Protein backbone atom coordinates (compact mmCIF):
# COMPACT_ATOMS: atom_id res chain seq x y z
CA UNK A 1 -5.54 4.16 -39.97
CA UNK A 2 -1.84 4.56 -40.85
CA UNK A 3 -0.61 7.60 -42.71
CA UNK A 4 0.18 5.41 -45.74
CA UNK A 5 -3.41 4.22 -46.06
CA UNK A 6 -4.44 7.36 -47.93
CA UNK A 7 -1.46 6.93 -50.24
CA UNK A 8 -2.41 3.33 -50.99
CA UNK A 9 -5.99 4.37 -51.72
CA UNK A 10 -4.66 7.17 -53.95
CA UNK A 11 -2.68 4.67 -55.97
CA UNK A 12 -5.72 2.41 -56.26
CA UNK A 13 -7.70 5.34 -57.66
CA UNK A 14 -4.91 6.33 -60.06
CA UNK A 15 -4.50 2.73 -61.21
CA UNK A 16 -8.22 2.40 -61.76
CA UNK A 17 -8.25 5.60 -63.80
CA UNK A 18 -5.45 4.31 -66.02
CA UNK A 19 -7.21 0.98 -66.42
CA UNK A 20 -10.46 2.68 -67.38
CA UNK A 21 -8.75 4.91 -69.96
CA UNK A 22 -6.92 1.90 -71.38
CA UNK A 23 -10.17 -0.03 -71.52
CA UNK A 24 -11.81 2.85 -73.35
CA UNK A 25 -9.01 2.85 -75.91
CA UNK A 26 -9.08 -0.91 -76.40
CA UNK A 27 -12.81 -1.59 -76.50
CA UNK A 28 -13.27 -4.28 -79.14
CA UNK A 29 -16.36 -2.55 -80.46
CA UNK A 30 -14.30 0.59 -81.07
CA UNK A 31 -12.02 -1.25 -83.49
CA UNK A 32 -15.06 -2.68 -85.26
CA UNK A 33 -16.46 0.83 -85.59
CA UNK A 34 -13.18 2.12 -87.05
CA UNK A 35 -13.14 -0.75 -89.57
CA UNK A 36 -16.75 -0.04 -90.55
CA UNK A 37 -16.00 3.66 -90.93
CA UNK A 38 -13.07 2.81 -93.20
CA UNK A 39 -15.26 0.51 -95.32
CA UNK A 40 -17.95 3.16 -95.54
CA UNK A 41 -15.42 5.75 -96.66
CA UNK A 42 -14.09 3.35 -99.31
CA UNK A 43 -17.60 2.59 -100.60
CA UNK A 44 -18.42 6.30 -100.71
CA UNK A 45 -15.31 6.85 -102.86
CA UNK A 46 -16.41 4.01 -105.14
CA UNK A 47 -19.87 5.53 -105.42
CA UNK A 48 -18.41 8.94 -106.21
CA UNK A 49 -16.26 7.48 -108.99
CA UNK A 50 -19.20 5.45 -110.28
CA UNK A 51 -21.45 8.50 -110.34
CA UNK A 52 -18.77 10.46 -112.20
CA UNK A 53 -18.49 7.73 -114.86
CA UNK A 54 -22.28 7.50 -115.13
CA UNK A 55 -22.51 11.23 -115.73
CA UNK A 56 -19.86 10.94 -118.47
CA UNK A 57 -21.81 8.13 -120.13
CA UNK A 58 -25.09 10.05 -119.94
CA UNK A 59 -23.37 13.10 -121.40
CA UNK A 60 -21.95 10.90 -124.17
CA UNK A 61 -25.45 9.57 -124.94
CA UNK A 62 -26.87 13.08 -125.24
CA UNK A 63 -24.02 14.18 -127.46
CA UNK A 64 -24.40 11.05 -129.59
CA UNK A 65 -28.17 11.55 -129.93
CA UNK A 66 -27.61 15.20 -130.90
CA UNK A 67 -25.01 14.16 -133.51
CA UNK A 68 -27.39 11.47 -134.81
CA UNK A 69 -30.14 14.07 -135.12
CA UNK A 70 -27.82 16.39 -137.03
CA UNK A 71 -26.79 13.52 -139.28
CA UNK A 72 -30.42 12.66 -140.01
CA UNK A 73 -31.16 16.31 -140.79
CA UNK A 74 -28.24 16.46 -143.24
CA UNK A 75 -29.41 13.26 -144.92
CA UNK A 76 -32.92 14.66 -145.40
CA UNK A 77 -31.54 17.88 -146.88
CA UNK A 78 -29.23 15.93 -149.19
CA UNK A 79 -32.04 13.60 -150.31
CA UNK A 80 -34.18 16.63 -151.06
CA UNK A 81 -31.46 18.08 -153.26
CA UNK A 82 -30.79 14.73 -154.92
CA UNK A 83 -34.39 14.06 -155.91
CA UNK A 84 -35.68 17.58 -156.42
CA UNK A 85 -34.22 17.81 -159.92
CA UNK A 86 -32.60 21.12 -159.07
CA UNK A 87 -29.15 19.69 -159.85
CA UNK A 88 -28.43 18.21 -163.28
CA UNK A 89 -24.63 18.08 -163.07
CA UNK A 90 -23.51 14.44 -163.06
CA UNK A 91 -20.39 15.39 -161.14
CA UNK A 92 -22.35 17.22 -158.46
CA UNK A 93 -24.87 14.38 -158.21
CA UNK A 94 -22.01 11.89 -157.77
CA UNK A 95 -20.52 14.00 -155.00
CA UNK A 96 -23.88 14.17 -153.21
CA UNK A 97 -24.31 10.40 -153.51
CA UNK A 98 -20.85 9.82 -151.99
CA UNK A 99 -21.72 12.29 -149.23
CA UNK A 100 -24.96 10.37 -148.58
CA UNK A 101 -22.99 7.11 -148.24
CA UNK A 102 -20.62 8.80 -145.77
CA UNK A 103 -23.52 10.19 -143.73
CA UNK A 104 -25.15 6.78 -143.55
CA UNK A 105 -21.90 5.19 -142.43
CA UNK A 106 -21.51 7.87 -139.77
CA UNK A 107 -25.12 7.29 -138.73
CA UNK A 108 -24.37 3.58 -138.27
CA UNK A 109 -21.30 4.35 -136.17
CA UNK A 110 -23.29 6.82 -134.06
CA UNK A 111 -26.03 4.26 -133.51
CA UNK A 112 -23.55 1.62 -132.42
CA UNK A 113 -21.83 4.10 -130.11
CA UNK A 114 -25.11 5.19 -128.53
CA UNK A 115 -26.17 1.56 -128.06
CA UNK A 116 -22.87 0.73 -126.35
CA UNK A 117 -23.25 3.73 -124.05
CA UNK A 118 -26.84 2.79 -123.24
CA UNK A 119 -25.73 -0.72 -122.27
CA UNK A 120 -22.93 0.72 -120.13
CA UNK A 121 -25.41 3.12 -118.52
CA UNK A 122 -27.70 0.22 -117.63
CA UNK A 123 -24.77 -1.71 -116.12
CA UNK A 124 -23.54 1.32 -114.15
CA UNK A 125 -27.02 2.05 -112.82
CA UNK A 126 -27.35 -1.53 -111.56
CA UNK A 127 -23.90 -1.30 -109.97
CA UNK A 128 -24.83 2.02 -108.39
CA UNK A 129 -28.04 0.56 -107.00
CA UNK A 130 -26.13 -2.36 -105.47
CA UNK A 131 -23.50 -0.03 -104.02
CA UNK A 132 -26.13 2.19 -102.42
CA UNK A 133 -27.71 -0.90 -100.85
CA UNK A 134 -24.32 -1.91 -99.42
CA UNK A 135 -23.83 1.60 -98.06
CA UNK A 136 -27.22 1.50 -96.42
CA UNK A 137 -26.43 -1.84 -94.75
CA UNK A 138 -23.03 -0.61 -93.56
CA UNK A 139 -24.53 2.61 -92.20
CA UNK A 140 -27.15 0.64 -90.27
CA UNK A 141 -24.50 -1.72 -88.86
CA UNK A 142 -22.33 1.25 -87.91
CA UNK A 143 -25.20 2.99 -86.13
CA UNK A 144 -25.93 -0.19 -84.17
CA UNK A 145 -22.31 -0.62 -83.08
CA UNK A 146 -22.00 3.08 -82.22
CA UNK A 147 -25.01 2.67 -79.93
CA UNK A 148 -23.33 -0.30 -78.22
CA UNK A 149 -20.08 1.64 -77.89
CA UNK A 150 -21.90 4.65 -76.46
CA UNK A 151 -23.45 2.42 -73.81
CA UNK A 152 -20.23 0.59 -72.92
CA UNK A 153 -18.05 3.70 -73.05
CA UNK A 154 -20.67 5.66 -71.15
CA UNK A 155 -20.41 3.30 -68.19
CA UNK A 156 -16.61 3.63 -68.16
CA UNK A 157 -16.71 7.40 -68.58
CA UNK A 158 -19.24 7.69 -65.77
CA UNK A 159 -16.83 5.97 -63.40
CA UNK A 160 -13.96 8.11 -64.72
CA UNK A 161 -15.89 11.27 -63.90
CA UNK A 162 -16.35 10.05 -60.32
CA UNK A 163 -12.66 9.31 -59.63
CA UNK A 164 -11.16 12.86 -59.64
CA UNK A 165 -13.46 13.95 -56.83
CA UNK A 166 -12.50 10.90 -54.79
CA UNK A 167 -8.84 11.65 -55.43
CA UNK A 168 -9.20 15.24 -54.28
CA UNK A 169 -10.73 14.11 -50.99
CA UNK A 170 -7.60 12.09 -50.21
CA UNK A 171 -4.96 14.73 -50.89
CA UNK A 172 -5.38 16.76 -47.66
CA UNK A 173 -4.64 13.62 -45.64
CA UNK A 174 -1.27 13.00 -47.34
CA UNK A 175 1.86 14.82 -46.26
CA UNK A 176 3.33 17.06 -48.96
CA UNK A 177 6.75 15.35 -48.97
CA UNK A 178 5.10 11.94 -49.19
CA UNK A 179 2.91 13.10 -52.05
CA UNK A 180 5.93 14.45 -53.93
CA UNK A 181 7.75 11.14 -53.49
CA UNK A 182 4.66 9.30 -54.70
CA UNK A 183 4.50 11.48 -57.82
CA UNK A 184 8.21 10.98 -58.58
CA UNK A 185 7.99 7.22 -58.17
CA UNK A 186 4.77 7.04 -60.19
CA UNK A 187 6.56 8.72 -63.09
CA UNK A 188 9.53 6.34 -62.92
CA UNK A 189 7.69 3.14 -61.98
CA UNK A 190 4.93 3.20 -64.59
CA UNK A 191 2.35 4.41 -62.14
CA UNK A 192 3.18 1.90 -59.41
CA UNK A 193 4.79 4.03 -56.69
CA UNK A 194 3.47 1.90 -53.83
CA UNK A 195 4.20 -1.82 -53.58
CA UNK A 196 1.91 -4.03 -51.55
CA UNK A 197 3.56 -6.43 -49.12
CA UNK A 198 1.97 -9.78 -48.41
CA UNK A 199 3.69 -11.60 -45.58
CA UNK A 200 7.30 -10.73 -46.27
CA UNK A 201 6.92 -10.58 -50.06
CA UNK A 202 7.15 -7.28 -51.95
CA UNK A 203 4.57 -7.64 -54.69
CA UNK A 204 6.26 -4.88 -56.68
CA UNK A 205 9.39 -6.87 -57.47
CA UNK A 206 8.59 -10.29 -55.90
CA UNK A 207 11.49 -10.43 -53.45
CA UNK A 208 11.35 -11.41 -49.76
CA UNK A 209 11.97 -8.52 -47.40
CA UNK A 210 14.15 -8.72 -44.28
CA UNK A 211 12.21 -9.39 -41.09
CA UNK A 212 13.24 -6.06 -39.55
CA UNK A 213 11.71 -4.12 -42.46
CA UNK A 214 8.48 -6.12 -42.28
CA UNK A 215 8.18 -5.41 -38.57
CA UNK A 216 8.49 -1.68 -39.23
CA UNK A 217 5.84 -1.48 -41.95
CA UNK A 218 3.08 -3.57 -40.35
CA UNK A 219 1.26 -0.49 -39.00
CA UNK A 220 1.65 1.46 -42.27
CA UNK A 221 2.63 4.45 -40.17
CA UNK A 222 6.25 4.78 -41.26
CA UNK A 223 7.68 5.36 -44.70
CA UNK A 224 9.94 2.61 -45.95
CA UNK A 225 10.92 1.73 -49.48
CA UNK A 226 11.80 -1.63 -50.95
CA UNK A 227 15.60 -2.11 -50.99
CA UNK A 228 15.28 -3.76 -54.40
CA UNK A 229 12.66 -1.86 -56.46
CA UNK A 230 12.59 1.39 -54.46
CA UNK A 231 8.81 1.51 -54.18
CA UNK A 232 7.00 2.70 -51.05
CA UNK A 233 6.01 -0.37 -49.04
CA UNK A 234 2.41 -0.89 -47.91
CA UNK A 235 1.60 -3.87 -45.69
CA UNK A 236 -1.51 -5.85 -46.62
CA UNK A 237 -1.19 -8.72 -44.14
CA UNK A 238 -0.15 -12.32 -44.29
CA UNK A 239 -2.85 -13.66 -46.61
C-alpha cells in the first residue's frame, strides 16, 4: 500500500461526510415538513383571531341581553306608573308616553342587534369547527412526515456517526506534512485536495498528464501535484 492510499481514503471519508450532511439538509421530506409547519402556524393564527372575534361577539350578546332586560324592566315600571292612576298631570303623562315609545324603539334596536350577533356567532362557530378540523388533519400529516424524516435522517445520521472513528484510524498513517497540505488544499479546492488519475487523465481538472508524471505516481508512493489544478495526484489505474 502506497503512502498516499490513506490520504485517498481520508478524502473519500470526508467527501462522504459532506455528501451525507448535504443530503440531510436537502431531504425532500424536510421541505415538506417546513411547509406544513408554516401552514399549521398560519392556521393557528387564524384560529386565534377567530376565537378573539367570537369572544367579542359573545360578550356583545351578553351586554345586549343585559341592556334588553334593563329596557324591559324600565318599560314595566313606566307602564305601572302610567296605569296606576298615581299621576293625573297631562303633561307628565305625555312625557311618560313619549318615554315608553323611545324604550320600545330601543328594545327593537337591541333585539335586532342581538339577533345579528347570534347569527354571527353561529357562523363563527361553524368556521371555528372547520378550522379545528383542518388543524387536526395538518397535525396528523405533519406527524406522519416527521416519522418518515426521522427514519430517513436516522439512517444518514447513523452513518455520519460512524465516519469520525474511521477517519481517526487513518490519521496516524499519514505524514504530518502531507496531512497539512491535504488540509490546505481541501480548504481551497472545495474539499477535493486529491485528484484521481485514470490512465493519464487528471479527473480533478480533466487534463492529460505528461508521461513522466504518470510513471512517477503509479505506485502512489510519491507526492506529486497536478501542474494544472494543483491537487495531489492519486493513481487509480487505466480503467
